[in-house]
Protein backbone atom coordinates (compact mmCIF):
# COMPACT_ATOMS: atom_id res chain seq x y z
CA UNK A 1 -13.82 10.84 -6.44
CA UNK A 2 -14.99 7.76 -8.28
CA UNK A 3 -11.75 6.41 -9.38
CA UNK A 4 -9.42 4.76 -7.01
CA UNK A 5 -6.82 2.56 -8.41
CA UNK A 6 -3.66 0.59 -7.28
CA UNK A 7 -0.60 0.24 -9.20
CA UNK A 8 2.59 -1.37 -8.95
CA UNK A 9 2.15 -3.59 -6.26
CA UNK A 10 5.64 -4.96 -4.88
CA UNK A 11 6.14 -7.30 -1.61
CA UNK A 12 6.96 -5.41 1.65
CA UNK A 13 9.04 -6.20 4.25
CA UNK A 14 9.24 -6.74 8.22
CA UNK A 15 5.60 -5.10 9.08
CA UNK A 16 5.06 -3.78 5.52
CA UNK A 17 2.98 -6.02 3.94
CA UNK A 18 2.85 -4.29 0.52
CA UNK A 19 4.10 -1.24 -1.28
CA UNK A 20 2.24 0.29 -4.38
CA UNK A 21 1.07 3.56 -5.92
CA UNK A 22 -2.37 5.08 -5.57
CA UNK A 23 -4.51 6.59 -8.31
CA UNK A 24 -7.24 8.79 -7.10
CA UNK A 25 -8.53 10.19 -9.76
CA UNK A 26 -5.85 12.42 -11.83
CA UNK A 27 -3.22 12.31 -8.39
CA UNK A 28 -0.78 9.61 -8.30
CA UNK A 29 0.43 8.68 -4.67
CA UNK A 30 3.49 7.05 -4.44
CA UNK A 31 4.96 4.90 -2.16
CA UNK A 32 1.73 4.12 0.00
CA UNK A 33 1.80 0.60 1.94
CA UNK A 34 -0.11 -1.97 3.76
CA UNK A 35 1.21 -2.29 7.41
CA UNK A 36 0.56 -5.00 9.63
CA UNK A 37 0.77 -2.71 13.05
CA UNK A 38 -0.18 -3.66 16.68
CA UNK A 39 -3.98 -3.05 16.20
CA UNK A 40 -4.17 -4.82 12.76
CA UNK A 41 -3.13 -3.76 9.31
CA UNK A 42 -3.67 -0.27 8.34
CA UNK A 43 -2.80 2.24 5.18
CA UNK A 44 0.47 3.82 5.84
CA UNK A 45 0.87 7.14 3.56
CA UNK A 46 4.10 8.87 2.70
CA UNK A 47 5.28 10.79 6.03
CA UNK A 48 8.11 12.98 7.39
CA UNK A 49 9.71 12.96 10.33
CA UNK A 50 9.30 16.19 12.50
CA UNK A 51 12.99 18.24 12.36
CA UNK A 52 12.23 19.28 16.31
CA UNK A 53 10.92 15.84 17.72
CA UNK A 54 10.47 12.11 17.07
CA UNK A 55 7.06 12.32 15.84
CA UNK A 56 5.98 11.55 12.12
CA UNK A 57 3.39 13.04 10.28
CA UNK A 58 1.53 12.11 6.80
CA UNK A 59 2.30 14.69 3.99
CA UNK A 60 -0.77 13.42 2.46
CA UNK A 61 -4.21 13.42 4.32
CA UNK A 62 -7.41 11.67 3.29
CA UNK A 63 -10.77 11.40 4.47
CA UNK A 64 -11.52 8.66 6.74
CA UNK A 65 -14.00 6.95 3.68
CA UNK A 66 -11.07 7.83 0.82
CA UNK A 67 -8.55 6.01 3.21
CA UNK A 68 -10.88 3.00 3.35
CA UNK A 69 -11.71 2.77 -0.20
CA UNK A 70 -7.67 3.06 -0.99
CA UNK A 71 -7.03 0.28 1.71
CA UNK A 72 -9.70 -1.97 0.09
CA UNK A 73 -8.16 -1.52 -3.23
CA UNK A 74 -4.96 -2.30 -2.03
CA UNK A 75 -5.72 -5.61 -0.19
CA UNK A 76 -7.62 -6.55 -3.70
CA UNK A 77 -4.77 -6.06 -5.51
CA UNK A 78 -2.53 -7.83 -3.14
CA UNK A 79 -4.75 -10.94 -3.32
CA UNK A 80 -4.88 -10.90 -6.56
CA UNK A 81 -0.98 -10.53 -7.29
CA UNK A 82 -0.18 -13.17 -4.64
CA UNK A 83 -1.02 -16.12 -6.78
CA UNK A 84 0.81 -14.60 -9.94
CA UNK A 85 4.09 -14.69 -7.54
CA UNK A 86 3.99 -18.20 -7.61
CA UNK A 87 6.64 -20.12 -9.70
CA UNK A 88 4.98 -22.94 -11.70
CA UNK A 89 6.31 -26.27 -11.29
CA UNK A 90 7.54 -26.72 -15.05
CA UNK A 91 9.48 -23.32 -14.94
CA UNK A 92 11.81 -24.56 -11.80
CA UNK A 93 14.93 -24.19 -13.61
CA UNK A 94 16.54 -27.36 -11.81
């Protein structure tokens, strides 16, 4: 798969650093997120809770290589988007 693109990056809350959509070739994964965990930052994909236990499982499974590419693209998109979120001094309404 050659194309890995991140769209609609938005700030998260709590341990979730950002939420975004990942485009892998012609497939779009909505609701992916970057999360700060106990062992560092990781890529969280859409998941569901098992009805019979308290365990969660990812609905979409990616290879380690593709997961790394998506996380790197998301980190870069977040890095680029962060400065744009700042308000310039001349735009402050008071």
